[in-house]
Amino acid sequence: MAATASAALLTGFDTEAPAAARGPRLSAETWRPVEIPLHSAVDYADPYRDVNLTATFTGPGGRRLTMPGFWDGGDTWRIRFSPPSPGRWTYTTSTDSPDSGLDRHRGTIDAKAYRGDLPIYRHGFLKTSANNRYMTYADGTPFFWLGDNQQSSLVSQTRYSESNDPRFTSQFKGIVDTRDKQGFNVIWNETFANHDGTANEGGPAWTDSTFQTLNPTFWDDVDRRIEYIADKGIVDALAMGVGSSLTEATKDQLPEYKRLARYMVARYAAYPMVWLTAQEFDNPANCAQCWEQVAEVFAETDPYRQPASLHNYPIYAGGGVQPRDRSWYGLVTLQEGHNRVDGVADYWLKQYRQTPTRPVVEAEANYEGIDVYWDNHAIVQNWQTRESAWKARVGGAAGNNYGAAGVWWTCWTAQDANENCQNYGSTPWDEGLALPGAAQMGHLRSFFTALPWWRLAPAPTAVTWAGTAPTDTQLAFASTTPDRSTTVVYYPHRLDGGEPYTGTLTGLTPGTYTLKWFDPRTGRYTPAGSAGITDARGTAHLPPGPTAADDWALLVTRSAR
């Protein structure tokens, strides 16, 4: 484990405990990882497979959490744990085979409340809300999900120790630092450790063929990258890799995938995580049921029960499998796809209305600037990226991810020979970082977090539109709080070249309402008038958008009485 502020300090031995229970005494902050190194006394032929190590932690009020340990090369094993509450925590290790170096070790962790400013450590790791509509921190504080897709950020395609942009000494750190400043609080990345030959600066994931001999130094390099993300207060949405690596033809490998899931939990559950498990797991050629079993291992092995999910293959292409009725399934991670223009009611609202209820995140929609080579090489336009994000939000999504050419899959230069860089466009990573959509996602976040966004819900009958309004994918849509004190109306731009369209908003309670336009491109507000509601229908006229060629958001709020 890299020596960072997240590592706890070894402060001595617990002399207050009986001799049989004496062990190291550590100190830590809540929700920050402490590491316990152990050294096996047995020379295992295959330490990755031959023994399972766990530690049971007991804290204030008798709370108990069991964390798996992991082999880290040679005779070294490690256990990582983040205390979820202040106070004294004790631990005892156990193994499934005799080993005096690993079994029945005890120790104490003195945890103090986190003193920093990062919300994920002030409020605790993520969970689903009580109504299963959005994500919250551990203490129940709503979490506004804004993610960035960086699928190659844990492997050598993204370089940790060098950069070809003089602003940054590290390509990896430059990308993470930039997205942090732009307001992103989730990063989607993938280990791709289930792909033979994949490597990073620690070497290949497996030293021979896939799932034969695990290479701990590969994971050591992943460690420092995930630690860097975590030290920014960013949640890691972690996937093994692409779903096509586990098909019906290869499902005999399922036990190895499950073993790897347990290993990843042991290494990373002490950091803020969402277990994304696999990308496009339900491609019709894949073994979707196999991936469900892998996701269940992530969910049930993690003692913090951080949310687990499976990323969908595009619904229009035959995907859309969602194990909503499984108790371990934490959230839906959709893929609208690329060069797609969908309407709220026929896409996101349908997802919102499905049962059992689960939070919905639009995880992959219109990566800005990519070459959609299978669709006549269309280039995804900035407006498509932005509109997908806004439509998802007013349609009930609990979050959305952004993706940019040259960053979703990191491209060193325009001549990068990697297949993804050549197929999806050759935008260099530092140019991709500066595409306008990232700043516009920050505007979206600023707009919604100024509101009680967790109380907003899709309101398909709240607005009646004038006869000249579009009736297709560009139909405007509203989201409102239950008491109608706050309403957000999103006007997509007109694809048909028509005039700005108008409508009426109904169901408002008596009072005075202020109307403001919000420009999703610039983040600026402009006045749009006011409305006094006195009639029983609570009807207010909605003004036409400032321009028909652009998208707009209208904010309608009731003045305090």
Protein backbone atom coordinates (compact mmCIF):
# COMPACT_ATOMS: atom_id res chain seq x y z
CA MET A 1 0.00 0.00 0.00
CA ALA A 2 1.42 3.40 -0.95
CA ALA A 3 2.37 5.70 1.89
CA THR A 4 -0.44 8.26 1.72
CA ALA A 5 -2.53 10.18 4.21
CA SER A 6 -5.05 7.37 3.99
CA ALA A 7 -2.77 4.86 5.74
CA ALA A 8 -3.12 4.52 9.51
CA LEU A 9 -0.14 4.69 11.87
CA LEU A 10 1.21 1.79 13.90
CA THR A 11 1.44 3.26 17.39
CA GLY A 12 2.55 0.34 19.55
CA PHE A 13 0.99 -2.67 21.18
CA ASP A 14 -2.19 -3.02 23.16
CA THR A 15 -0.86 -3.49 26.68
CA GLU A 16 -4.30 -3.15 28.27
CA ALA A 17 -5.58 -6.42 26.80
CA PRO A 18 -4.88 -9.90 28.23
CA ALA A 19 -1.65 -11.45 26.99
CA ALA A 20 -3.49 -13.86 24.71
CA ALA A 21 -5.23 -10.97 22.97
CA ARG A 22 -2.32 -8.57 22.63
CA GLY A 23 -1.55 -7.31 19.17
CA PRO A 24 -0.76 -4.17 17.22
CA ARG A 25 -2.59 -1.01 18.12
CA LEU A 26 -3.43 1.21 15.17
CA SER A 27 -5.01 4.61 14.75
CA ALA A 28 -7.26 5.78 11.94
CA GLU A 29 -9.93 8.25 10.94
CA THR A 30 -13.46 7.13 10.18
CA TRP A 31 -14.06 5.91 6.63
CA ARG A 32 -10.31 6.01 5.90
CA PRO A 33 -8.39 2.76 5.36
CA VAL A 34 -6.06 1.20 7.88
CA GLU A 35 -3.84 -1.64 6.70
CA ILE A 36 -2.84 -4.74 8.65
CA PRO A 37 0.13 -6.65 7.16
CA LEU A 38 0.63 -10.34 7.97
CA HIS A 39 3.23 -12.91 6.92
CA SER A 40 2.29 -16.52 6.31
CA ALA A 41 4.20 -19.30 8.05
CA VAL A 42 3.26 -21.79 5.34
CA ASP A 43 4.90 -21.99 1.92
CA TYR A 44 1.87 -22.23 -0.37
CA ALA A 45 2.16 -23.55 -3.89
CA ASP A 46 -0.57 -21.11 -5.02
CA PRO A 47 -1.30 -18.59 -2.25
CA TYR A 48 -3.99 -16.88 -4.33
CA ARG A 49 -6.07 -20.07 -4.25
CA ASP A 50 -4.79 -22.21 -1.40
CA VAL A 51 -6.02 -20.25 1.61
CA ASN A 52 -8.75 -17.75 2.50
CA LEU A 53 -7.98 -15.09 5.12
CA THR A 54 -10.60 -12.98 6.89
CA ALA A 55 -10.66 -10.56 9.80
CA THR A 56 -13.64 -9.81 12.00
CA PHE A 57 -13.78 -6.27 13.35
CA THR A 58 -15.87 -5.45 16.42
CA GLY A 59 -16.59 -1.84 17.27
CA PRO A 60 -18.75 0.45 19.40
CA GLY A 61 -22.13 -1.00 20.25
CA GLY A 62 -20.96 -4.46 19.29
CA ARG A 63 -21.09 -3.79 15.56
CA ARG A 64 -19.24 -6.52 13.65
CA LEU A 65 -17.82 -6.39 10.13
CA THR A 66 -15.93 -9.19 8.39
CA MET A 67 -13.35 -8.25 5.76
CA PRO A 68 -11.46 -10.70 3.54
CA GLY A 69 -7.70 -10.42 3.34
CA PHE A 70 -5.55 -10.75 0.22
CA TRP A 71 -2.22 -12.14 -0.85
CA ASP A 72 0.24 -9.42 -1.93
CA GLY A 73 3.23 -11.45 -3.07
CA GLY A 74 5.78 -13.68 -1.36
CA ASP A 75 4.67 -14.43 2.19
CA THR A 76 2.85 -11.09 2.57
CA TRP A 77 -0.88 -10.81 3.18
CA ARG A 78 -2.87 -7.66 3.94
CA ILE A 79 -6.21 -6.70 5.42
CA ARG A 80 -7.67 -3.26 4.81
CA PHE A 81 -10.44 -1.77 6.91
CA SER A 82 -12.11 1.64 7.22
CA PRO A 83 -13.78 2.23 10.60
CA PRO A 84 -17.36 3.39 9.96
CA SER A 85 -17.69 5.01 13.39
CA PRO A 86 -15.31 6.53 15.95
CA GLY A 87 -14.22 4.57 18.97
CA ARG A 88 -12.23 1.43 19.68
CA TRP A 89 -12.34 -1.41 17.18
CA THR A 90 -10.76 -4.80 17.79
CA TYR A 91 -10.07 -7.47 15.23
CA THR A 92 -9.32 -11.18 15.04
CA THR A 93 -8.05 -12.95 11.94
CA SER A 94 -8.96 -16.44 10.79
CA THR A 95 -8.07 -18.80 7.95
CA ASP A 96 -9.59 -21.94 6.48
CA SER A 97 -6.34 -23.88 6.99
CA PRO A 98 -3.78 -23.80 9.82
CA ASP A 99 -1.22 -21.00 9.47
CA SER A 100 0.26 -19.38 12.58
CA GLY A 101 1.38 -16.41 10.49
CA LEU A 102 -2.17 -15.56 9.42
CA ASP A 103 -4.60 -17.22 11.82
CA ARG A 104 -5.82 -15.89 15.21
CA HIS A 105 -3.98 -12.58 15.10
CA ARG A 106 -5.57 -9.82 17.13
CA GLY A 107 -5.24 -6.09 17.38
CA THR A 108 -6.92 -2.79 18.16
CA ILE A 109 -7.81 0.25 16.06
CA ASP A 110 -8.55 3.57 17.75
CA ALA A 111 -10.75 5.49 15.33
CA LYS A 112 -11.34 9.23 15.46
CA ALA A 113 -13.88 11.17 13.42
CA TYR A 114 -12.61 12.30 10.03
CA ARG A 115 -11.52 15.95 10.22
CA GLY A 116 -11.28 16.88 6.56
CA ASP A 117 -13.69 18.47 4.10
CA LEU A 118 -14.34 15.63 1.65
CA PRO A 119 -18.04 14.66 1.79
CA ILE A 120 -17.48 10.94 1.18
CA TYR A 121 -15.49 10.71 4.44
CA ARG A 122 -17.57 13.20 6.39
CA HIS A 123 -20.78 11.32 5.61
CA GLY A 124 -19.59 7.79 4.79
CA PHE A 125 -19.71 5.37 1.88
CA LEU A 126 -22.63 5.14 -0.50
CA LYS A 127 -25.90 3.26 -0.14
CA THR A 128 -29.33 3.46 -1.75
CA SER A 129 -31.95 5.82 -0.36
CA ALA A 130 -34.83 4.48 1.71
CA ASN A 131 -37.18 4.85 -1.29
CA ASN A 132 -34.63 3.32 -3.70
CA ARG A 133 -34.70 6.39 -5.94
CA TYR A 134 -31.22 7.85 -5.48
CA MET A 135 -27.93 7.31 -3.71
CA THR A 136 -27.05 8.63 -0.28
CA TYR A 137 -24.00 8.66 1.92
CA ALA A 138 -23.94 6.28 4.88
CA ASP A 139 -25.54 8.89 7.15
CA GLY A 140 -28.47 9.42 4.76
CA THR A 141 -27.26 12.67 3.17
CA PRO A 142 -28.29 12.67 -0.53
CA PHE A 143 -25.43 12.03 -2.97
CA PHE A 144 -25.59 13.84 -6.32
CA TRP A 145 -23.96 11.41 -8.77
CA LEU A 146 -21.92 13.00 -11.57
CA GLY A 147 -19.58 10.46 -13.13
CA ASP A 148 -16.83 10.45 -15.71
CA ASN A 149 -16.00 7.36 -17.76
CA GLN A 150 -12.29 6.51 -17.76
CA GLN A 151 -12.36 2.86 -18.65
CA SER A 152 -8.61 2.44 -19.25
CA SER A 153 -7.37 4.46 -16.27
CA LEU A 154 -6.10 1.45 -14.28
CA VAL A 155 -3.97 -0.10 -17.04
CA SER A 156 -0.96 0.95 -19.07
CA GLN A 157 -3.07 2.71 -21.71
CA THR A 158 -3.18 5.51 -19.13
CA ARG A 159 0.34 6.31 -17.96
CA TYR A 160 0.92 6.99 -14.30
CA SER A 161 4.58 8.00 -14.39
CA GLU A 162 4.74 10.25 -17.45
CA SER A 163 2.81 12.80 -19.45
CA ASN A 164 3.14 14.39 -22.88
CA ASP A 165 1.30 17.51 -21.71
CA PRO A 166 3.64 19.90 -19.84
CA ARG A 167 0.82 20.93 -17.48
CA PHE A 168 0.93 17.52 -15.84
CA THR A 169 3.70 15.24 -14.63
CA SER A 170 1.36 12.23 -14.80
CA GLN A 171 -1.21 11.53 -17.46
CA PHE A 172 -3.34 9.62 -14.96
CA LYS A 173 -3.16 12.32 -12.29
CA GLY A 174 -3.78 15.06 -14.85
CA ILE A 175 -7.05 13.45 -15.92
CA VAL A 176 -8.24 12.80 -12.36
CA ASP A 177 -7.24 16.28 -11.14
CA THR A 178 -9.03 17.96 -14.03
CA ARG A 179 -12.23 16.01 -13.57
CA ASP A 180 -12.10 16.68 -9.83
CA LYS A 181 -11.91 20.44 -10.46
CA GLN A 182 -14.77 20.16 -12.96
CA GLY A 183 -17.04 18.74 -10.25
CA PHE A 184 -17.14 15.02 -11.03
CA ASN A 185 -17.49 12.81 -7.96
CA VAL A 186 -17.57 9.33 -9.56
CA ILE A 187 -15.03 7.74 -11.92
CA TRP A 188 -15.86 4.59 -13.85
CA ASN A 189 -12.80 2.46 -14.50
CA GLU A 190 -12.00 -1.17 -15.20
CA THR A 191 -9.22 -3.54 -14.21
CA PHE A 192 -9.56 -5.67 -17.36
CA ALA A 193 -7.74 -8.26 -15.27
CA ASN A 194 -9.81 -10.95 -16.94
CA HIS A 195 -8.20 -10.22 -20.33
CA ASP A 196 -5.05 -12.17 -21.04
CA GLY A 197 -2.08 -9.89 -21.65
CA THR A 198 -3.49 -6.76 -20.01
CA ALA A 199 -0.83 -4.93 -18.04
CA ASN A 200 0.09 -1.72 -16.26
CA GLU A 201 3.32 -0.41 -14.75
CA GLY A 202 3.29 -3.37 -12.36
CA GLY A 203 3.36 -5.83 -15.26
CA PRO A 204 0.67 -8.19 -16.59
CA ALA A 205 -2.36 -9.07 -14.50
CA TRP A 206 -1.49 -12.76 -14.82
CA THR A 207 2.03 -14.03 -15.30
CA ASP A 208 1.01 -16.75 -17.74
CA SER A 209 -2.46 -17.46 -19.12
CA THR A 210 -5.63 -15.91 -17.79
CA PHE A 211 -6.54 -16.89 -14.22
CA GLN A 212 -3.46 -19.05 -13.73
CA THR A 213 -0.84 -17.14 -11.75
CA LEU A 214 -1.94 -13.82 -10.30
CA ASN A 215 0.65 -11.03 -10.42
CA PRO A 216 0.42 -8.92 -7.23
CA THR A 217 2.55 -6.08 -8.66
CA PHE A 218 -0.17 -5.43 -11.26
CA TRP A 219 -2.58 -4.89 -8.39
CA ASP A 220 -0.05 -2.75 -6.51
CA ASP A 221 -0.15 -0.34 -9.44
CA VAL A 222 -3.95 -0.44 -9.41
CA ASP A 223 -3.74 0.32 -5.67
CA ARG A 224 -1.91 3.59 -6.10
CA ARG A 225 -4.34 4.72 -8.78
CA ILE A 226 -7.42 3.87 -6.74
CA GLU A 227 -5.85 5.48 -3.67
CA TYR A 228 -5.24 8.65 -5.66
CA ILE A 229 -8.88 8.75 -6.76
CA ALA A 230 -10.06 8.07 -3.21
CA ASP A 231 -7.83 10.78 -1.75
CA LYS A 232 -9.70 13.26 -3.95
CA GLY A 233 -12.95 12.13 -2.32
CA ILE A 234 -14.13 10.57 -5.59
CA VAL A 235 -16.11 7.33 -5.64
CA ASP A 236 -14.70 4.57 -7.83
CA ALA A 237 -17.25 2.70 -9.97
CA LEU A 238 -15.14 -0.39 -10.55
CA ALA A 239 -15.67 -3.09 -13.15
CA MET A 240 -13.59 -6.16 -13.91
CA GLY A 241 -13.88 -5.48 -17.61
CA VAL A 242 -16.08 -6.17 -20.59
CA GLY A 243 -18.89 -8.65 -20.32
CA SER A 244 -17.84 -10.50 -23.47
CA SER A 245 -14.98 -12.08 -21.54
CA LEU A 246 -17.50 -14.41 -19.88
CA THR A 247 -19.78 -16.09 -22.40
CA GLU A 248 -21.86 -19.23 -22.44
CA ALA A 249 -18.88 -20.96 -24.04
CA THR A 250 -16.53 -19.95 -21.22
CA LYS A 251 -18.85 -20.18 -18.22
CA ASP A 252 -16.70 -22.95 -16.76
CA GLN A 253 -14.45 -20.04 -15.74
CA LEU A 254 -17.18 -18.67 -13.43
CA PRO A 255 -15.49 -19.93 -10.21
CA GLU A 256 -12.36 -17.97 -11.15
CA TYR A 257 -14.38 -14.81 -11.74
CA LYS A 258 -15.99 -15.24 -8.35
CA ARG A 259 -12.58 -15.74 -6.74
CA LEU A 260 -11.29 -12.59 -8.43
CA ALA A 261 -14.34 -10.64 -7.21
CA ARG A 262 -13.54 -11.65 -3.63
CA TYR A 263 -9.92 -10.61 -4.15
CA MET A 264 -10.99 -7.19 -5.48
CA VAL A 265 -13.29 -6.68 -2.49
CA ALA A 266 -10.40 -7.51 -0.16
CA ARG A 267 -8.17 -4.93 -1.83
CA TYR A 268 -10.69 -2.14 -2.44
CA ALA A 269 -13.80 -2.35 -0.24
CA ALA A 270 -12.08 -0.10 2.30
CA TYR A 271 -12.29 2.71 -0.29
CA PRO A 272 -15.44 4.46 -1.54
CA MET A 273 -16.75 2.08 -4.19
CA VAL A 274 -19.61 1.11 -6.45
CA TRP A 275 -19.18 -2.42 -7.76
CA LEU A 276 -19.99 -2.04 -11.46
CA THR A 277 -18.85 -5.65 -12.05
CA ALA A 278 -18.90 -5.80 -15.85
CA GLN A 279 -19.42 -3.60 -18.87
CA GLU A 280 -22.27 -4.64 -21.19
CA PHE A 281 -22.84 -7.84 -19.21
CA ASP A 282 -26.11 -8.61 -21.00
CA ASN A 283 -24.91 -8.54 -24.57
CA PRO A 284 -26.94 -11.42 -26.02
CA ALA A 285 -23.70 -13.37 -26.63
CA ASN A 286 -22.58 -13.13 -22.98
CA CYS A 287 -23.39 -15.29 -19.97
CA ALA A 288 -25.55 -12.71 -18.18
CA GLN A 289 -26.52 -15.13 -15.41
CA CYS A 290 -22.84 -15.79 -14.76
CA TRP A 291 -22.18 -12.08 -14.33
CA GLU A 292 -25.10 -11.83 -11.93
CA GLN A 293 -23.41 -14.40 -9.73
CA VAL A 294 -20.15 -12.43 -9.84
CA ALA A 295 -21.97 -9.23 -8.89
CA GLU A 296 -23.55 -11.02 -5.96
CA VAL A 297 -20.06 -11.90 -4.67
CA PHE A 298 -19.08 -8.23 -4.78
CA ALA A 299 -22.25 -7.18 -2.97
CA GLU A 300 -22.28 -9.84 -0.27
CA THR A 301 -18.54 -9.99 0.45
CA ASP A 302 -18.22 -6.22 0.95
CA PRO A 303 -18.95 -5.66 4.67
CA TYR A 304 -20.04 -2.06 3.99
CA ARG A 305 -22.61 -3.27 1.44
CA GLN A 306 -21.58 -0.62 -1.05
CA PRO A 307 -23.91 -0.69 -4.08
CA ALA A 308 -23.43 -3.36 -6.74
CA SER A 309 -24.62 -3.16 -10.32
CA LEU A 310 -24.15 -4.49 -13.85
CA HIS A 311 -23.73 -2.17 -16.82
CA ASN A 312 -26.33 -2.70 -19.54
CA TYR A 313 -25.79 -3.39 -23.20
CA PRO A 314 -27.86 -0.85 -25.20
CA ILE A 315 -31.54 -1.66 -24.96
CA TYR A 316 -32.12 -0.92 -28.64
CA ALA A 317 -29.45 -3.54 -29.49
CA GLY A 318 -30.93 -6.32 -27.38
CA GLY A 319 -29.71 -5.46 -23.89
CA GLY A 320 -31.64 -4.25 -20.89
CA VAL A 321 -31.45 -7.24 -18.55
CA GLN A 322 -31.76 -5.91 -15.00
CA PRO A 323 -31.95 -8.22 -11.98
CA ARG A 324 -34.04 -5.69 -10.06
CA ASP A 325 -35.64 -8.35 -7.89
CA ARG A 326 -32.29 -9.51 -6.47
CA SER A 327 -31.63 -8.25 -2.96
CA TRP A 328 -27.98 -7.49 -3.79
CA TYR A 329 -28.80 -5.34 -6.84
CA GLY A 330 -28.17 -1.76 -5.81
CA LEU A 331 -28.74 0.37 -8.89
CA VAL A 332 -29.40 0.31 -12.64
CA THR A 333 -26.51 1.48 -14.81
CA LEU A 334 -27.98 2.12 -18.25
CA GLN A 335 -26.43 2.62 -21.66
CA GLU A 336 -28.45 4.78 -24.02
CA GLY A 337 -25.71 4.36 -26.61
CA HIS A 338 -24.00 6.76 -29.02
CA ASN A 339 -25.34 9.02 -31.75
CA ARG A 340 -28.69 8.42 -30.08
CA VAL A 341 -31.51 10.94 -29.71
CA ASP A 342 -34.19 9.54 -27.41
CA GLY A 343 -37.20 11.11 -25.74
CA VAL A 344 -37.71 11.19 -22.00
CA ALA A 345 -41.04 9.39 -21.96
CA ASP A 346 -40.01 6.50 -24.19
CA TYR A 347 -36.66 5.85 -22.57
CA TRP A 348 -35.80 7.25 -19.14
CA LEU A 349 -39.36 7.48 -17.79
CA LYS A 350 -39.90 3.83 -18.69
CA GLN A 351 -36.81 2.90 -16.69
CA TYR A 352 -37.93 5.03 -13.75
CA ARG A 353 -41.32 3.31 -13.67
CA GLN A 354 -40.03 -0.27 -13.68
CA THR A 355 -40.43 -2.38 -10.56
CA PRO A 356 -39.00 -3.22 -8.14
CA THR A 357 -37.80 0.34 -7.77
CA ARG A 358 -34.05 0.90 -8.08
CA PRO A 359 -31.99 4.07 -8.56
CA VAL A 360 -31.24 4.61 -12.24
CA VAL A 361 -27.94 6.05 -13.48
CA GLU A 362 -27.45 6.85 -17.15
CA ALA A 363 -23.93 5.46 -17.32
CA GLU A 364 -23.09 5.64 -21.03
CA ALA A 365 -24.79 8.08 -23.35
CA ASN A 366 -23.30 9.93 -26.31
CA TYR A 367 -19.61 10.21 -25.48
CA GLU A 368 -18.73 13.67 -26.69
CA GLY A 369 -16.70 13.79 -29.89
CA ILE A 370 -16.36 10.04 -30.52
CA ASP A 371 -16.52 8.56 -34.00
CA VAL A 372 -19.49 6.17 -34.10
CA TYR A 373 -17.89 4.04 -36.79
CA TRP A 374 -20.79 1.57 -37.01
CA ASP A 375 -23.20 4.41 -37.77
CA ASN A 376 -21.64 5.92 -40.88
CA HIS A 377 -18.84 7.44 -38.79
CA ALA A 378 -21.13 9.99 -37.19
CA ILE A 379 -19.35 12.22 -34.69
CA VAL A 380 -21.29 12.67 -31.45
CA GLN A 381 -22.12 16.34 -31.09
CA ASN A 382 -21.89 18.38 -27.94
CA TRP A 383 -25.65 19.00 -27.88
CA GLN A 384 -26.34 15.26 -27.99
CA THR A 385 -24.11 14.66 -24.96
CA ARG A 386 -25.66 17.50 -23.00
CA GLU A 387 -29.27 16.69 -23.88
CA SER A 388 -28.88 13.05 -22.86
CA ALA A 389 -27.72 14.17 -19.42
CA TRP A 390 -30.56 16.65 -18.93
CA LYS A 391 -33.23 14.32 -20.32
CA ALA A 392 -32.06 11.56 -18.01
CA ARG A 393 -32.27 13.88 -14.99
CA VAL A 394 -35.77 15.20 -15.66
CA GLY A 395 -36.79 11.64 -16.51
CA GLY A 396 -35.96 10.44 -13.01
CA ALA A 397 -32.34 9.32 -13.25
CA ALA A 398 -30.43 9.49 -9.97
CA GLY A 399 -27.20 10.26 -11.79
CA ASN A 400 -25.41 10.39 -15.10
CA ASN A 401 -21.95 9.71 -16.44
CA TYR A 402 -20.12 11.80 -19.00
CA GLY A 403 -17.65 10.48 -21.55
CA ALA A 404 -15.25 12.31 -23.85
CA ALA A 405 -13.26 11.23 -26.86
CA GLY A 406 -9.64 10.56 -25.93
CA VAL A 407 -10.52 10.21 -22.23
CA TRP A 408 -13.17 7.49 -21.92
CA TRP A 409 -10.40 5.38 -23.45
CA THR A 410 -7.14 7.25 -23.04
CA CYS A 411 -5.34 8.16 -26.27
CA TRP A 412 -1.76 9.40 -25.91
CA THR A 413 -1.71 11.17 -29.29
CA ALA A 414 -3.82 11.36 -32.43
CA GLN A 415 -1.65 8.55 -33.79
CA ASP A 416 -2.21 6.22 -30.81
CA ALA A 417 -2.29 2.75 -32.33
CA ASN A 418 -4.72 1.34 -29.75
CA GLU A 419 -7.77 -0.15 -31.43
CA ASN A 420 -10.23 1.96 -29.44
CA CYS A 421 -8.36 5.16 -30.28
CA GLN A 422 -8.38 4.36 -33.98
CA ASN A 423 -11.96 3.06 -34.16
CA TYR A 424 -13.65 5.75 -32.07
CA GLY A 425 -11.65 8.75 -33.23
CA SER A 426 -8.10 9.87 -32.60
CA THR A 427 -8.66 12.74 -30.17
CA PRO A 428 -5.62 13.10 -27.86
CA TRP A 429 -6.40 12.83 -24.15
CA ASP A 430 -5.49 16.44 -23.27
CA GLU A 431 -7.76 17.75 -26.03
CA GLY A 432 -10.54 15.46 -24.87
CA LEU A 433 -10.25 16.88 -21.36
CA ALA A 434 -11.07 20.33 -22.73
CA LEU A 435 -14.20 19.44 -24.69
CA PRO A 436 -17.07 21.76 -23.62
CA GLY A 437 -19.37 19.02 -22.35
CA ALA A 438 -17.36 18.49 -19.16
CA ALA A 439 -17.87 22.09 -18.06
CA GLN A 440 -21.55 21.79 -19.00
CA MET A 441 -21.88 18.77 -16.73
CA GLY A 442 -20.59 21.07 -13.98
CA HIS A 443 -23.33 23.55 -14.83
CA LEU A 444 -25.89 20.76 -14.59
CA ARG A 445 -24.58 19.83 -11.16
CA SER A 446 -24.64 23.44 -9.94
CA PHE A 447 -28.22 23.84 -11.15
CA PHE A 448 -29.60 20.76 -9.46
CA THR A 449 -27.62 20.89 -6.22
CA ALA A 450 -29.04 24.38 -5.59
CA LEU A 451 -32.43 22.62 -5.38
CA PRO A 452 -33.90 19.81 -3.28
CA TRP A 453 -33.09 17.61 -6.26
CA TRP A 454 -33.74 14.34 -4.39
CA ARG A 455 -37.40 15.37 -4.04
CA LEU A 456 -37.87 15.95 -7.77
CA ALA A 457 -39.79 13.29 -9.68
CA PRO A 458 -40.87 13.04 -13.33
CA ALA A 459 -44.18 14.82 -13.97
CA PRO A 460 -45.41 13.74 -17.40
CA THR A 461 -48.87 15.33 -16.90
CA ALA A 462 -47.73 18.58 -15.30
CA VAL A 463 -47.32 20.44 -18.59
CA THR A 464 -49.68 20.82 -21.53
CA TRP A 465 -47.81 21.94 -24.60
CA ALA A 466 -49.05 24.15 -27.42
CA GLY A 467 -50.02 22.47 -30.66
CA THR A 468 -46.83 23.56 -32.40
CA ALA A 469 -44.58 21.82 -29.89
CA PRO A 470 -42.65 18.72 -31.01
CA THR A 471 -44.25 15.40 -30.15
CA ASP A 472 -41.18 13.27 -30.77
CA THR A 473 -37.87 12.90 -28.93
CA GLN A 474 -37.61 16.67 -28.46
CA LEU A 475 -40.80 17.09 -26.47
CA ALA A 476 -40.13 19.21 -23.41
CA PHE A 477 -40.50 17.47 -20.05
CA ALA A 478 -40.99 18.48 -16.42
CA SER A 479 -39.79 17.23 -13.06
CA THR A 480 -41.31 18.55 -9.84
CA THR A 481 -41.39 18.21 -6.08
CA PRO A 482 -44.50 16.62 -4.56
CA ASP A 483 -45.84 19.98 -3.35
CA ARG A 484 -45.04 21.64 -6.69
CA SER A 485 -42.97 24.28 -4.93
CA THR A 486 -40.12 23.57 -7.35
CA THR A 487 -40.52 22.55 -10.98
CA VAL A 488 -37.82 22.04 -13.59
CA VAL A 489 -38.91 22.11 -17.23
CA TYR A 490 -36.36 21.05 -19.82
CA TYR A 491 -36.77 22.25 -23.41
CA PRO A 492 -34.62 20.26 -25.88
CA HIS A 493 -33.69 22.17 -28.99
CA ARG A 494 -35.96 21.84 -32.00
CA LEU A 495 -34.66 19.48 -34.65
CA ASP A 496 -37.36 20.53 -37.11
CA GLY A 497 -36.32 24.17 -37.30
CA GLY A 498 -39.61 25.39 -35.84
CA GLU A 499 -40.27 28.32 -33.52
CA PRO A 500 -39.80 28.22 -29.72
CA TYR A 501 -42.68 26.35 -28.17
CA THR A 502 -44.82 27.11 -25.16
CA GLY A 503 -47.26 25.45 -22.81
CA THR A 504 -49.05 25.67 -19.49
CA LEU A 505 -48.02 24.27 -16.13
CA THR A 506 -50.83 22.92 -13.95
CA GLY A 507 -51.25 21.69 -10.40
CA LEU A 508 -49.56 24.65 -8.69
CA THR A 509 -50.78 25.60 -5.23
CA PRO A 510 -51.80 29.22 -4.61
CA GLY A 511 -48.92 31.64 -4.30
CA THR A 512 -46.41 33.65 -6.24
CA TYR A 513 -43.94 31.86 -8.48
CA THR A 514 -40.68 33.08 -9.93
CA LEU A 515 -39.58 31.86 -13.36
CA LYS A 516 -35.94 31.80 -14.43
CA TRP A 517 -34.21 30.55 -17.54
CA PHE A 518 -31.06 28.50 -17.12
CA ASP A 519 -28.63 28.19 -20.01
CA PRO A 520 -27.14 24.66 -19.91
CA ARG A 521 -24.22 25.79 -22.08
CA THR A 522 -23.03 28.65 -19.87
CA GLY A 523 -24.61 28.03 -16.46
CA ARG A 524 -26.22 31.48 -16.43
CA TYR A 525 -29.69 32.41 -15.20
CA THR A 526 -31.92 35.09 -16.73
CA PRO A 527 -35.33 36.27 -15.49
CA ALA A 528 -38.39 34.76 -17.18
CA GLY A 529 -41.13 36.58 -15.28
CA SER A 530 -43.44 35.56 -12.46
CA ALA A 531 -46.88 34.05 -11.98
CA GLY A 532 -49.53 34.56 -9.34
CA ILE A 533 -51.64 31.44 -8.79
CA THR A 534 -55.14 31.89 -7.42
CA ASP A 535 -57.34 29.47 -9.39
CA ALA A 536 -58.11 25.90 -8.41
CA ARG A 537 -56.32 24.40 -11.42
CA GLY A 538 -53.08 26.16 -10.49
CA THR A 539 -52.26 27.06 -14.06
CA ALA A 540 -49.28 29.14 -15.14
CA HIS A 541 -48.28 30.07 -18.67
CA LEU A 542 -44.83 28.86 -19.67
CA PRO A 543 -42.92 31.32 -21.83
CA PRO A 544 -41.28 30.24 -25.09
CA GLY A 545 -37.65 29.29 -24.89
CA PRO A 546 -35.27 32.18 -25.62
CA THR A 547 -34.17 30.38 -28.81
CA ALA A 548 -35.50 27.31 -30.59
CA ALA A 549 -32.09 26.25 -31.86
CA ASP A 550 -30.78 25.69 -28.31
CA ASP A 551 -31.90 23.70 -25.30
CA TRP A 552 -33.03 25.50 -22.13
CA ALA A 553 -34.10 24.73 -18.60
CA LEU A 554 -36.89 26.69 -16.94
CA LEU A 555 -36.92 26.85 -13.13
CA VAL A 556 -40.27 27.58 -11.50
CA THR A 557 -40.16 28.15 -7.74
CA ARG A 558 -42.81 29.28 -5.24
CA SER A 559 -41.84 32.24 -3.12
CA ALA A 560 -41.68 31.74 0.63
CA ARG A 561 -44.99 32.56 2.29
